[in-house]
Amino acid sequence: MKKLKCLIVDDEPLALQILEKYINSLDSLELCAKCANAVEATIFLHKSTVDLIFLDIRMPKLSGLDFLKSIS
């Protein structure tokens, strides 16, 4: 079974930790990166592709929803 490549984008360290633990507990998911904000995620996505993004909605500077609108 092919694993889904995942990206976590969240500005809260505890949320990053919880999501990472959850993803690592599932055989069907592979964590590719963790980003603390949308700018970091944008840079990562210019270099790599993912199948699934765990995205925080409320983040400083650029909200999760605005970030989502900016990617293809």
N, C-alpha and C. Protein backbone atom coordinates (compact mmCIF):
# COMPACT_ATOMS: atom_id res chain seq x y z
N MET A 1 0.83 -1.18 0.00
CA MET A 1 0.00 0.00 0.00
C MET A 1 0.88 1.25 0.00
N LYS A 2 0.59 2.17 -0.89
CA LYS A 2 1.34 3.42 -0.98
C LYS A 2 0.96 4.33 0.18
N LYS A 3 1.95 4.92 0.82
CA LYS A 3 1.69 5.85 1.91
C LYS A 3 1.39 7.24 1.35
N LEU A 4 0.46 7.93 2.01
CA LEU A 4 0.16 9.31 1.65
C LEU A 4 1.21 10.22 2.29
N LYS A 5 1.81 11.08 1.49
CA LYS A 5 2.80 12.03 2.00
C LYS A 5 2.07 13.20 2.64
N CYS A 6 2.45 13.52 3.89
CA CYS A 6 1.75 14.54 4.67
C CYS A 6 2.66 15.70 5.04
N LEU A 7 2.02 16.85 5.20
CA LEU A 7 2.67 18.07 5.68
C LEU A 7 1.82 18.62 6.81
N ILE A 8 2.47 19.03 7.90
CA ILE A 8 1.78 19.69 9.00
C ILE A 8 2.15 21.16 8.97
N VAL A 9 1.15 22.04 9.04
CA VAL A 9 1.38 23.48 9.11
C VAL A 9 0.61 24.00 10.32
N ASP A 10 1.34 24.35 11.36
CA ASP A 10 0.71 24.81 12.60
C ASP A 10 1.71 25.63 13.40
N ASP A 11 1.27 26.72 13.99
CA ASP A 11 2.17 27.58 14.75
C ASP A 11 2.27 27.19 16.23
N GLU A 12 1.53 26.19 16.64
CA GLU A 12 1.56 25.75 18.04
C GLU A 12 2.39 24.47 18.17
N PRO A 13 3.50 24.52 18.94
CA PRO A 13 4.36 23.35 19.07
C PRO A 13 3.63 22.10 19.58
N LEU A 14 2.71 22.26 20.50
CA LEU A 14 1.99 21.10 21.02
C LEU A 14 1.14 20.45 19.93
N ALA A 15 0.48 21.26 19.11
CA ALA A 15 -0.32 20.72 18.01
C ALA A 15 0.57 19.98 17.00
N LEU A 16 1.74 20.54 16.71
CA LEU A 16 2.68 19.87 15.82
C LEU A 16 3.07 18.50 16.37
N GLN A 17 3.35 18.46 17.66
CA GLN A 17 3.76 17.23 18.32
C GLN A 17 2.64 16.18 18.29
N ILE A 18 1.42 16.60 18.59
CA ILE A 18 0.28 15.67 18.60
C ILE A 18 0.00 15.12 17.20
N LEU A 19 0.01 15.99 16.21
CA LEU A 19 -0.23 15.55 14.84
C LEU A 19 0.89 14.63 14.34
N GLU A 20 2.13 14.95 14.69
CA GLU A 20 3.24 14.09 14.28
C GLU A 20 3.09 12.70 14.89
N LYS A 21 2.74 12.63 16.15
CA LYS A 21 2.54 11.34 16.81
C LYS A 21 1.41 10.56 16.14
N TYR A 22 0.31 11.25 15.80
CA TYR A 22 -0.82 10.60 15.15
C TYR A 22 -0.41 10.05 13.77
N ILE A 23 0.25 10.87 12.99
CA ILE A 23 0.66 10.44 11.65
C ILE A 23 1.61 9.25 11.73
N ASN A 24 2.55 9.31 12.65
CA ASN A 24 3.51 8.22 12.79
C ASN A 24 2.87 6.92 13.28
N SER A 25 1.69 7.02 13.87
CA SER A 25 1.01 5.81 14.35
C SER A 25 0.24 5.08 13.25
N LEU A 26 0.10 5.70 12.11
CA LEU A 26 -0.65 5.11 11.00
C LEU A 26 0.28 4.62 9.90
N ASP A 27 0.06 3.40 9.45
CA ASP A 27 0.89 2.84 8.38
C ASP A 27 0.63 3.49 7.03
N SER A 28 -0.50 4.14 6.88
CA SER A 28 -0.88 4.69 5.58
C SER A 28 -0.37 6.12 5.35
N LEU A 29 0.25 6.74 6.39
CA LEU A 29 0.72 8.11 6.27
C LEU A 29 2.22 8.20 6.49
N GLU A 30 2.84 9.14 5.77
CA GLU A 30 4.27 9.42 5.91
C GLU A 30 4.44 10.92 6.11
N LEU A 31 5.03 11.33 7.20
CA LEU A 31 5.25 12.74 7.47
C LEU A 31 6.49 13.21 6.71
N CYS A 32 6.28 14.19 5.83
CA CYS A 32 7.38 14.73 5.02
C CYS A 32 8.01 15.96 5.67
N ALA A 33 7.18 16.78 6.33
CA ALA A 33 7.70 18.00 6.96
C ALA A 33 6.70 18.57 7.94
N LYS A 34 7.25 19.38 8.86
CA LYS A 34 6.43 20.16 9.79
C LYS A 34 6.84 21.62 9.60
N CYS A 35 5.86 22.49 9.45
CA CYS A 35 6.13 23.91 9.26
C CYS A 35 5.38 24.71 10.31
N ALA A 36 6.04 25.73 10.84
CA ALA A 36 5.45 26.54 11.89
C ALA A 36 4.58 27.67 11.36
N ASN A 37 4.62 27.90 10.04
CA ASN A 37 3.78 28.96 9.46
C ASN A 37 3.62 28.71 7.96
N ALA A 38 2.76 29.52 7.36
CA ALA A 38 2.44 29.34 5.94
C ALA A 38 3.61 29.68 5.03
N VAL A 39 4.46 30.60 5.44
CA VAL A 39 5.62 30.96 4.63
C VAL A 39 6.57 29.76 4.51
N GLU A 40 6.85 29.11 5.63
CA GLU A 40 7.68 27.91 5.61
C GLU A 40 7.05 26.83 4.72
N ALA A 41 5.75 26.67 4.83
CA ALA A 41 5.05 25.65 4.04
C ALA A 41 5.14 25.96 2.55
N THR A 42 5.02 27.22 2.19
CA THR A 42 5.12 27.63 0.78
C THR A 42 6.50 27.28 0.24
N ILE A 43 7.53 27.58 1.00
CA ILE A 43 8.89 27.25 0.57
C ILE A 43 9.05 25.74 0.40
N PHE A 44 8.54 24.99 1.36
CA PHE A 44 8.62 23.52 1.27
C PHE A 44 7.89 23.01 0.03
N LEU A 45 6.71 23.53 -0.23
CA LEU A 45 5.90 23.04 -1.36
C LEU A 45 6.46 23.43 -2.71
N HIS A 46 7.34 24.42 -2.76
CA HIS A 46 8.03 24.74 -4.02
C HIS A 46 9.07 23.68 -4.37
N LYS A 47 9.51 22.93 -3.36
CA LYS A 47 10.54 21.92 -3.57
C LYS A 47 9.97 20.50 -3.59
N SER A 48 8.83 20.30 -2.94
CA SER A 48 8.27 18.95 -2.77
C SER A 48 6.76 18.96 -2.97
N THR A 49 6.22 17.78 -3.16
CA THR A 49 4.77 17.65 -3.25
C THR A 49 4.28 16.74 -2.13
N VAL A 50 3.05 16.96 -1.72
CA VAL A 50 2.43 16.12 -0.70
C VAL A 50 1.02 15.75 -1.15
N ASP A 51 0.48 14.73 -0.51
CA ASP A 51 -0.88 14.29 -0.81
C ASP A 51 -1.89 14.89 0.16
N LEU A 52 -1.42 15.23 1.37
CA LEU A 52 -2.32 15.64 2.45
C LEU A 52 -1.65 16.71 3.30
N ILE A 53 -2.42 17.77 3.64
CA ILE A 53 -1.90 18.83 4.50
C ILE A 53 -2.80 18.95 5.73
N PHE A 54 -2.18 18.83 6.91
CA PHE A 54 -2.86 19.14 8.16
C PHE A 54 -2.59 20.61 8.41
N LEU A 55 -3.61 21.44 8.29
CA LEU A 55 -3.43 22.89 8.24
C LEU A 55 -4.20 23.60 9.35
N ASP A 56 -3.47 24.38 10.14
CA ASP A 56 -4.09 25.22 11.16
C ASP A 56 -4.76 26.40 10.46
N ILE A 57 -5.94 26.77 10.91
CA ILE A 57 -6.67 27.88 10.29
C ILE A 57 -6.17 29.23 10.79
N ARG A 58 -5.96 29.33 12.10
CA ARG A 58 -5.54 30.61 12.70
C ARG A 58 -4.04 30.62 12.94
N MET A 59 -3.36 31.36 12.08
CA MET A 59 -1.91 31.52 12.22
C MET A 59 -1.57 32.99 11.99
N PRO A 60 -0.46 33.45 12.56
CA PRO A 60 -0.07 34.84 12.35
C PRO A 60 0.35 35.09 10.90
N LYS A 61 0.24 36.32 10.48
CA LYS A 61 0.64 36.80 9.14
C LYS A 61 -0.26 36.30 8.03
N LEU A 62 -0.33 35.01 7.82
CA LEU A 62 -1.14 34.43 6.74
C LEU A 62 -1.97 33.29 7.33
N SER A 63 -3.28 33.44 7.28
CA SER A 63 -4.15 32.40 7.86
C SER A 63 -4.08 31.13 7.02
N GLY A 64 -4.51 30.05 7.62
CA GLY A 64 -4.54 28.78 6.91
C GLY A 64 -5.44 28.82 5.69
N LEU A 65 -6.56 29.51 5.79
CA LEU A 65 -7.47 29.60 4.65
C LEU A 65 -6.86 30.42 3.52
N ASP A 66 -6.18 31.52 3.84
CA ASP A 66 -5.52 32.32 2.81
C ASP A 66 -4.38 31.53 2.16
N PHE A 67 -3.67 30.77 2.99
CA PHE A 67 -2.60 29.91 2.45
C PHE A 67 -3.19 28.88 1.49
N LEU A 68 -4.27 28.25 1.89
CA LEU A 68 -4.92 27.25 1.05
C LEU A 68 -5.33 27.83 -0.31
N LYS A 69 -5.84 29.04 -0.31
CA LYS A 69 -6.23 29.69 -1.56
C LYS A 69 -5.04 29.99 -2.45
N SER A 70 -3.85 30.12 -1.85
CA SER A 70 -2.66 30.51 -2.61
C SER A 70 -1.93 29.34 -3.28
N ILE A 71 -2.28 28.11 -2.91
CA ILE A 71 -1.58 26.95 -3.49
C ILE A 71 -2.47 26.25 -4.51
N SER A 72 -1.81 25.54 -5.41
CA SER A 72 -2.59 24.81 -6.43
C SER A 72 -2.60 23.33 -6.13
